[in-house]
């Protein structure tokens, strides 16, 4: 199983200069990167009232995906999801996405990527999801 702190460190190495900031309700700031669910906060991070500027990276821990096999049995696959979200409409996340894919492909198996462009009619921001395969078991 992947080490979440090592993964976070590898992501920071690849895109730290591209990341935006979290500005918390108490005025404190931090790089816009988090791992969910956080054991202390669950999926409630950053806390309500936090302002996000620029590029945000959200790392989601694996939830098993179960698929049936022909002839019986099933596989359970664990994938980490890395979500890049560009909150600044004047910037693109494509450069950061390329940097991250190039940086992670050296150490991790990238199962797939999924890009969603900005869509003003639905008020969606530009996003990219990168799925890293952790492991798979037969059940």
N, C-alpha and C. Protein backbone atom coordinates (compact mmCIF):
# COMPACT_ATOMS: atom_id res chain seq x y z
N UNK A 1 0.85 -1.18 0.00
CA UNK A 1 0.00 0.00 0.00
C UNK A 1 0.89 1.24 0.00
N UNK A 2 0.49 2.23 -0.79
CA UNK A 2 1.27 3.45 -0.89
C UNK A 2 1.32 4.19 0.45
N UNK A 3 2.42 4.83 0.70
CA UNK A 3 2.57 5.67 1.89
C UNK A 3 2.05 7.06 1.54
N UNK A 4 1.02 7.51 2.25
CA UNK A 4 0.38 8.77 1.91
C UNK A 4 1.30 9.98 2.05
N UNK A 5 2.19 9.96 3.03
CA UNK A 5 3.10 11.09 3.21
C UNK A 5 4.17 11.12 2.12
N UNK A 6 4.62 9.95 1.68
CA UNK A 6 5.58 9.89 0.58
C UNK A 6 4.92 10.38 -0.71
N UNK A 7 3.67 9.97 -0.95
CA UNK A 7 2.94 10.42 -2.13
C UNK A 7 2.76 11.94 -2.11
N UNK A 8 2.36 12.47 -0.96
CA UNK A 8 2.19 13.93 -0.83
C UNK A 8 3.51 14.64 -1.10
N UNK A 9 4.59 14.11 -0.58
CA UNK A 9 5.92 14.70 -0.79
C UNK A 9 6.29 14.67 -2.28
N UNK A 10 6.01 13.56 -2.96
CA UNK A 10 6.32 13.46 -4.39
C UNK A 10 5.48 14.45 -5.21
N UNK A 11 4.24 14.65 -4.80
CA UNK A 11 3.39 15.63 -5.49
C UNK A 11 3.93 17.03 -5.27
N UNK A 12 4.32 17.34 -4.04
CA UNK A 12 4.89 18.66 -3.76
C UNK A 12 6.17 18.89 -4.57
N UNK A 13 6.99 17.87 -4.68
CA UNK A 13 8.22 18.00 -5.47
C UNK A 13 7.89 18.37 -6.92
N UNK A 14 6.84 17.78 -7.45
CA UNK A 14 6.48 18.00 -8.86
C UNK A 14 5.81 19.35 -9.11
N UNK A 15 4.93 19.79 -8.18
CA UNK A 15 4.11 20.98 -8.50
C UNK A 15 4.07 22.05 -7.40
N UNK A 16 4.99 22.01 -6.45
CA UNK A 16 4.93 22.96 -5.34
C UNK A 16 4.86 24.41 -5.80
N UNK A 17 5.62 24.77 -6.82
CA UNK A 17 5.64 26.15 -7.30
C UNK A 17 4.36 26.55 -8.01
N UNK A 18 3.54 25.57 -8.38
CA UNK A 18 2.28 25.84 -9.08
C UNK A 18 1.10 25.98 -8.11
N UNK A 19 1.24 25.44 -6.89
CA UNK A 19 0.12 25.38 -5.95
C UNK A 19 -0.32 26.75 -5.46
N UNK A 20 -1.63 26.88 -5.27
CA UNK A 20 -2.20 28.07 -4.68
C UNK A 20 -2.17 27.98 -3.17
N UNK A 21 -3.07 28.71 -2.52
CA UNK A 21 -3.08 28.74 -1.06
C UNK A 21 -4.48 28.56 -0.49
N UNK A 22 -4.50 28.02 0.71
CA UNK A 22 -5.70 28.02 1.53
C UNK A 22 -5.55 29.20 2.49
N UNK A 23 -6.61 30.01 2.61
CA UNK A 23 -6.65 31.05 3.64
C UNK A 23 -7.78 30.67 4.58
N UNK A 24 -7.42 30.26 5.79
CA UNK A 24 -8.38 29.76 6.76
C UNK A 24 -9.12 30.91 7.44
N UNK A 25 -10.28 30.61 8.04
CA UNK A 25 -11.07 31.66 8.69
C UNK A 25 -10.31 32.45 9.76
N UNK A 26 -9.31 31.81 10.40
CA UNK A 26 -8.54 32.51 11.43
C UNK A 26 -7.41 33.37 10.85
N UNK A 27 -7.30 33.40 9.48
CA UNK A 27 -6.28 34.22 8.82
C UNK A 27 -5.01 33.47 8.47
N UNK A 28 -4.82 32.26 8.99
CA UNK A 28 -3.64 31.46 8.67
C UNK A 28 -3.69 31.01 7.20
N UNK A 29 -2.54 30.79 6.60
CA UNK A 29 -2.47 30.31 5.21
C UNK A 29 -1.60 29.07 5.13
N UNK A 30 -1.82 28.29 4.07
CA UNK A 30 -1.02 27.09 3.83
C UNK A 30 -1.11 26.76 2.35
N UNK A 31 -0.20 25.92 1.87
CA UNK A 31 -0.27 25.43 0.49
C UNK A 31 -1.59 24.70 0.28
N UNK A 32 -2.16 24.84 -0.89
CA UNK A 32 -3.47 24.24 -1.20
C UNK A 32 -3.32 22.78 -1.60
N UNK A 33 -2.97 21.95 -0.62
CA UNK A 33 -2.86 20.50 -0.85
C UNK A 33 -3.36 19.79 0.41
N UNK A 34 -4.15 18.74 0.23
CA UNK A 34 -4.65 17.99 1.38
C UNK A 34 -4.88 16.54 1.00
N UNK A 35 -4.95 15.69 2.03
CA UNK A 35 -5.24 14.28 1.86
C UNK A 35 -6.56 13.99 2.56
N UNK A 36 -7.49 13.38 1.83
CA UNK A 36 -8.81 13.05 2.39
C UNK A 36 -9.03 11.55 2.33
N UNK A 37 -9.75 10.94 3.24
CA UNK A 37 -10.21 11.58 4.47
C UNK A 37 -9.06 11.70 5.46
N UNK A 38 -9.05 12.82 6.16
CA UNK A 38 -8.08 13.05 7.21
C UNK A 38 -8.60 12.33 8.47
N UNK A 39 -7.76 11.58 9.18
CA UNK A 39 -8.25 10.84 10.34
C UNK A 39 -8.92 11.73 11.39
N UNK A 40 -8.49 12.98 11.49
CA UNK A 40 -9.06 13.88 12.48
C UNK A 40 -10.25 14.69 11.97
N UNK A 41 -10.33 14.88 10.64
CA UNK A 41 -11.35 15.76 10.09
C UNK A 41 -12.31 15.08 9.12
N UNK A 42 -12.02 13.86 8.73
CA UNK A 42 -12.85 13.20 7.73
C UNK A 42 -12.73 13.91 6.39
N UNK A 43 -13.87 14.13 5.75
CA UNK A 43 -13.87 14.81 4.46
C UNK A 43 -14.10 16.32 4.62
N UNK A 44 -14.08 16.84 5.84
CA UNK A 44 -14.35 18.25 6.09
C UNK A 44 -13.08 19.08 6.14
N UNK A 45 -12.29 19.02 5.10
CA UNK A 45 -11.07 19.81 5.02
C UNK A 45 -10.92 20.31 3.61
N UNK A 46 -10.56 21.52 3.38
CA UNK A 46 -10.35 22.51 4.42
C UNK A 46 -11.67 22.91 5.06
N UNK A 47 -11.57 23.44 6.27
CA UNK A 47 -12.78 23.78 7.01
C UNK A 47 -13.63 24.82 6.30
N UNK A 48 -14.92 24.82 6.62
CA UNK A 48 -15.86 25.76 6.02
C UNK A 48 -15.38 27.19 6.28
N UNK A 49 -15.49 28.03 5.25
CA UNK A 49 -15.05 29.42 5.35
C UNK A 49 -13.65 29.64 4.83
N UNK A 50 -12.95 28.56 4.46
CA UNK A 50 -11.61 28.67 3.91
C UNK A 50 -11.69 29.15 2.46
N UNK A 51 -10.86 30.10 2.10
CA UNK A 51 -10.78 30.61 0.73
C UNK A 51 -9.63 29.88 0.02
N UNK A 52 -9.91 29.42 -1.19
CA UNK A 52 -8.88 28.75 -1.98
C UNK A 52 -8.55 29.64 -3.16
N UNK A 53 -7.27 29.90 -3.36
CA UNK A 53 -6.85 30.68 -4.52
C UNK A 53 -5.86 29.87 -5.33
N UNK A 54 -5.94 29.99 -6.64
CA UNK A 54 -5.00 29.30 -7.51
C UNK A 54 -5.28 27.81 -7.62
N UNK A 55 -4.22 27.05 -7.77
CA UNK A 55 -4.31 25.61 -7.99
C UNK A 55 -4.41 24.86 -6.67
N UNK A 56 -5.39 23.97 -6.58
CA UNK A 56 -5.57 23.13 -5.40
C UNK A 56 -5.34 21.67 -5.78
N UNK A 57 -4.72 20.92 -4.88
CA UNK A 57 -4.51 19.49 -5.07
C UNK A 57 -5.15 18.74 -3.91
N UNK A 58 -6.10 17.86 -4.23
CA UNK A 58 -6.77 17.04 -3.22
C UNK A 58 -6.43 15.58 -3.51
N UNK A 59 -5.84 14.91 -2.53
CA UNK A 59 -5.46 13.51 -2.65
C UNK A 59 -6.50 12.70 -1.90
N UNK A 60 -7.18 11.80 -2.61
CA UNK A 60 -8.20 10.98 -1.97
C UNK A 60 -7.66 9.56 -1.78
N UNK A 61 -7.75 9.09 -0.53
CA UNK A 61 -7.31 7.73 -0.22
C UNK A 61 -8.19 6.72 -0.95
N UNK A 62 -7.67 5.54 -1.24
CA UNK A 62 -8.41 4.55 -2.02
C UNK A 62 -9.66 4.03 -1.33
N UNK A 63 -10.70 3.91 -2.13
CA UNK A 63 -11.91 3.20 -1.75
C UNK A 63 -11.98 2.02 -2.72
N UNK A 64 -12.13 0.79 -2.25
CA UNK A 64 -12.06 -0.35 -3.17
C UNK A 64 -13.15 -0.34 -4.22
N UNK A 65 -12.75 -0.70 -5.45
CA UNK A 65 -13.67 -0.85 -6.57
C UNK A 65 -13.74 -2.34 -6.87
N UNK A 66 -14.94 -2.92 -6.78
CA UNK A 66 -15.10 -4.36 -6.97
C UNK A 66 -15.67 -4.62 -8.36
N UNK A 67 -15.04 -5.55 -9.07
CA UNK A 67 -15.50 -5.93 -10.41
C UNK A 67 -15.63 -7.45 -10.48
N UNK A 68 -16.76 -7.92 -11.03
CA UNK A 68 -16.99 -9.37 -11.19
C UNK A 68 -16.12 -9.91 -12.32
N UNK A 69 -15.68 -11.16 -12.16
CA UNK A 69 -14.89 -11.84 -13.17
C UNK A 69 -15.74 -12.89 -13.87
N UNK A 70 -15.46 -13.14 -15.14
CA UNK A 70 -16.14 -14.21 -15.86
C UNK A 70 -15.80 -15.54 -15.18
N UNK A 71 -16.78 -16.37 -14.99
CA UNK A 71 -16.55 -17.67 -14.37
C UNK A 71 -16.57 -17.62 -12.85
N UNK A 72 -16.92 -16.48 -12.29
CA UNK A 72 -17.01 -16.37 -10.83
C UNK A 72 -15.86 -15.62 -10.22
N UNK A 73 -16.05 -15.24 -9.01
CA UNK A 73 -15.04 -14.47 -8.32
C UNK A 73 -15.12 -12.99 -8.67
N UNK A 74 -14.23 -12.24 -8.11
CA UNK A 74 -14.19 -10.80 -8.36
C UNK A 74 -12.81 -10.27 -8.03
N UNK A 75 -12.53 -9.06 -8.48
CA UNK A 75 -11.30 -8.38 -8.11
C UNK A 75 -11.67 -7.12 -7.33
N UNK A 76 -10.81 -6.78 -6.41
CA UNK A 76 -10.97 -5.55 -5.64
C UNK A 76 -9.73 -4.71 -5.93
N UNK A 77 -9.94 -3.53 -6.53
CA UNK A 77 -8.85 -2.66 -6.93
C UNK A 77 -8.85 -1.41 -6.07
N UNK A 78 -7.66 -1.00 -5.64
CA UNK A 78 -7.50 0.20 -4.84
C UNK A 78 -6.73 1.23 -5.66
N UNK A 79 -7.35 2.39 -5.90
CA UNK A 79 -6.71 3.48 -6.64
C UNK A 79 -6.76 4.77 -5.83
N UNK A 80 -5.65 5.47 -5.81
CA UNK A 80 -5.60 6.81 -5.21
C UNK A 80 -6.07 7.79 -6.28
N UNK A 81 -6.86 8.77 -5.89
CA UNK A 81 -7.31 9.81 -6.82
C UNK A 81 -6.62 11.11 -6.44
N UNK A 82 -6.03 11.74 -7.41
CA UNK A 82 -5.42 13.05 -7.20
C UNK A 82 -6.21 14.04 -8.05
N UNK A 83 -6.85 14.99 -7.39
CA UNK A 83 -7.67 15.97 -8.08
C UNK A 83 -6.92 17.30 -8.10
N UNK A 84 -6.69 17.82 -9.30
CA UNK A 84 -6.17 19.17 -9.45
C UNK A 84 -7.33 20.06 -9.83
N UNK A 85 -7.46 21.19 -9.14
CA UNK A 85 -8.55 22.12 -9.41
C UNK A 85 -7.96 23.51 -9.56
N UNK A 86 -8.26 24.17 -10.67
CA UNK A 86 -7.75 25.52 -10.90
C UNK A 86 -8.86 26.51 -10.58
N UNK A 87 -8.71 27.23 -9.46
CA UNK A 87 -9.72 28.18 -9.01
C UNK A 87 -9.54 29.55 -9.63
N UNK A 88 -8.42 29.80 -10.28
CA UNK A 88 -8.16 31.09 -10.94
C UNK A 88 -8.53 30.95 -12.41
N UNK A 89 -9.63 31.60 -12.81
CA UNK A 89 -10.13 31.47 -14.19
C UNK A 89 -9.17 32.05 -15.22
N UNK A 90 -8.19 32.83 -14.79
CA UNK A 90 -7.22 33.42 -15.72
C UNK A 90 -6.00 32.53 -15.94
N UNK A 91 -5.95 31.38 -15.26
CA UNK A 91 -4.82 30.46 -15.41
C UNK A 91 -5.34 29.09 -15.83
N UNK A 92 -4.45 28.32 -16.46
CA UNK A 92 -4.78 26.96 -16.86
C UNK A 92 -4.03 25.99 -15.95
N UNK A 93 -4.61 24.83 -15.75
CA UNK A 93 -3.91 23.82 -14.94
C UNK A 93 -3.16 22.82 -15.81
N UNK A 94 -3.20 22.94 -17.11
CA UNK A 94 -2.58 21.95 -17.99
C UNK A 94 -1.07 21.82 -17.75
N UNK A 95 -0.38 22.93 -17.53
CA UNK A 95 1.06 22.85 -17.27
C UNK A 95 1.35 22.09 -15.99
N UNK A 96 0.59 22.39 -14.94
CA UNK A 96 0.76 21.68 -13.67
C UNK A 96 0.40 20.21 -13.80
N UNK A 97 -0.63 19.92 -14.57
CA UNK A 97 -1.05 18.54 -14.79
C UNK A 97 0.07 17.76 -15.49
N UNK A 98 0.67 18.35 -16.51
CA UNK A 98 1.79 17.70 -17.20
C UNK A 98 2.98 17.49 -16.26
N UNK A 99 3.30 18.50 -15.44
CA UNK A 99 4.40 18.36 -14.48
C UNK A 99 4.13 17.22 -13.51
N UNK A 100 2.89 17.14 -13.03
CA UNK A 100 2.55 16.10 -12.06
C UNK A 100 2.59 14.71 -12.68
N UNK A 101 2.04 14.56 -13.87
CA UNK A 101 2.06 13.26 -14.55
C UNK A 101 3.50 12.82 -14.80
N UNK A 102 4.33 13.74 -15.29
CA UNK A 102 5.74 13.40 -15.54
C UNK A 102 6.47 13.04 -14.25
N UNK A 103 6.19 13.77 -13.17
CA UNK A 103 6.86 13.49 -11.90
C UNK A 103 6.41 12.18 -11.28
N UNK A 104 5.12 11.88 -11.34
CA UNK A 104 4.60 10.67 -10.71
C UNK A 104 4.86 9.41 -11.52
N UNK A 105 4.93 9.53 -12.84
CA UNK A 105 5.09 8.34 -13.68
C UNK A 105 6.43 7.65 -13.46
N UNK A 106 7.38 8.33 -12.81
CA UNK A 106 8.67 7.73 -12.51
C UNK A 106 8.57 6.68 -11.39
N UNK A 107 7.59 6.86 -10.47
CA UNK A 107 7.50 5.99 -9.29
C UNK A 107 6.19 5.23 -9.16
N UNK A 108 5.15 5.69 -9.84
CA UNK A 108 3.81 5.14 -9.63
C UNK A 108 3.19 4.69 -10.95
N UNK A 109 2.24 3.76 -10.85
CA UNK A 109 1.51 3.30 -12.02
C UNK A 109 0.27 4.19 -12.18
N UNK A 110 0.28 5.03 -13.20
CA UNK A 110 -0.87 5.88 -13.48
C UNK A 110 -1.86 5.06 -14.29
N UNK A 111 -3.00 4.77 -13.67
CA UNK A 111 -4.01 3.94 -14.33
C UNK A 111 -4.72 4.71 -15.43
N UNK A 112 -5.09 5.95 -15.13
CA UNK A 112 -5.76 6.79 -16.13
C UNK A 112 -5.79 8.22 -15.63
N UNK A 113 -6.10 9.13 -16.55
CA UNK A 113 -6.31 10.53 -16.20
C UNK A 113 -7.64 10.96 -16.80
N UNK A 114 -8.23 11.96 -16.19
CA UNK A 114 -9.52 12.47 -16.66
C UNK A 114 -9.50 13.99 -16.55
N UNK A 115 -9.69 14.67 -17.66
CA UNK A 115 -9.65 16.13 -17.69
C UNK A 115 -11.05 16.69 -17.90
N UNK A 116 -11.38 17.76 -17.18
CA UNK A 116 -12.65 18.44 -17.36
C UNK A 116 -12.37 19.94 -17.53
N UNK A 117 -12.66 20.48 -18.71
CA UNK A 117 -12.40 21.91 -18.92
C UNK A 117 -13.40 22.78 -18.14
N UNK A 118 -13.07 24.04 -18.04
CA UNK A 118 -13.98 24.99 -17.40
C UNK A 118 -15.26 25.06 -18.23
N UNK A 119 -16.39 25.14 -17.55
CA UNK A 119 -17.68 25.23 -18.24
C UNK A 119 -18.52 26.29 -17.52
N UNK A 120 -18.52 27.48 -18.08
CA UNK A 120 -19.14 28.62 -17.41
C UNK A 120 -20.64 28.46 -17.19
N UNK A 121 -21.34 27.81 -18.12
CA UNK A 121 -22.79 27.66 -17.97
C UNK A 121 -23.16 26.86 -16.74
N UNK A 122 -22.33 25.88 -16.38
CA UNK A 122 -22.58 25.08 -15.19
C UNK A 122 -21.75 25.56 -13.99
N UNK A 123 -21.01 26.64 -14.19
CA UNK A 123 -20.15 27.21 -13.15
C UNK A 123 -19.16 26.18 -12.60
N UNK A 124 -18.57 25.38 -13.49
CA UNK A 124 -17.54 24.43 -13.07
C UNK A 124 -16.16 24.99 -13.39
N UNK A 125 -15.20 24.60 -12.58
CA UNK A 125 -13.83 25.04 -12.76
C UNK A 125 -13.05 23.98 -13.53
N UNK A 126 -11.89 24.37 -14.05
CA UNK A 126 -11.02 23.43 -14.76
C UNK A 126 -10.45 22.42 -13.76
N UNK A 127 -10.56 21.13 -14.10
CA UNK A 127 -10.13 20.07 -13.19
C UNK A 127 -9.45 18.94 -13.96
N UNK A 128 -8.60 18.24 -13.26
CA UNK A 128 -7.97 17.04 -13.82
C UNK A 128 -7.86 16.02 -12.69
N UNK A 129 -8.21 14.78 -12.98
CA UNK A 129 -8.08 13.70 -12.01
C UNK A 129 -7.04 12.71 -12.53
N UNK A 130 -6.16 12.33 -11.64
CA UNK A 130 -5.13 11.33 -11.96
C UNK A 130 -5.35 10.16 -11.01
N UNK A 131 -5.47 8.97 -11.56
CA UNK A 131 -5.73 7.77 -10.76
C UNK A 131 -4.46 6.92 -10.71
N UNK A 132 -3.97 6.68 -9.50
CA UNK A 132 -2.78 5.84 -9.30
C UNK A 132 -3.22 4.50 -8.76
N UNK A 133 -2.85 3.45 -9.46
CA UNK A 133 -3.21 2.10 -9.01
C UNK A 133 -2.29 1.70 -7.86
N UNK A 134 -2.90 1.34 -6.75
CA UNK A 134 -2.13 0.91 -5.58
C UNK A 134 -1.97 -0.61 -5.61
N UNK A 135 -3.07 -1.35 -5.50
CA UNK A 135 -2.98 -2.80 -5.60
C UNK A 135 -4.33 -3.38 -5.94
N UNK A 136 -4.33 -4.67 -6.30
CA UNK A 136 -5.53 -5.36 -6.69
C UNK A 136 -5.50 -6.75 -6.06
N UNK A 137 -6.63 -7.21 -5.58
CA UNK A 137 -6.74 -8.56 -5.01
C UNK A 137 -7.91 -9.29 -5.61
N UNK A 138 -7.83 -10.60 -5.62
CA UNK A 138 -8.98 -11.44 -6.04
C UNK A 138 -9.75 -11.83 -4.80
N UNK A 139 -11.07 -11.74 -4.90
CA UNK A 139 -11.92 -12.14 -3.78
C UNK A 139 -12.89 -13.20 -4.21
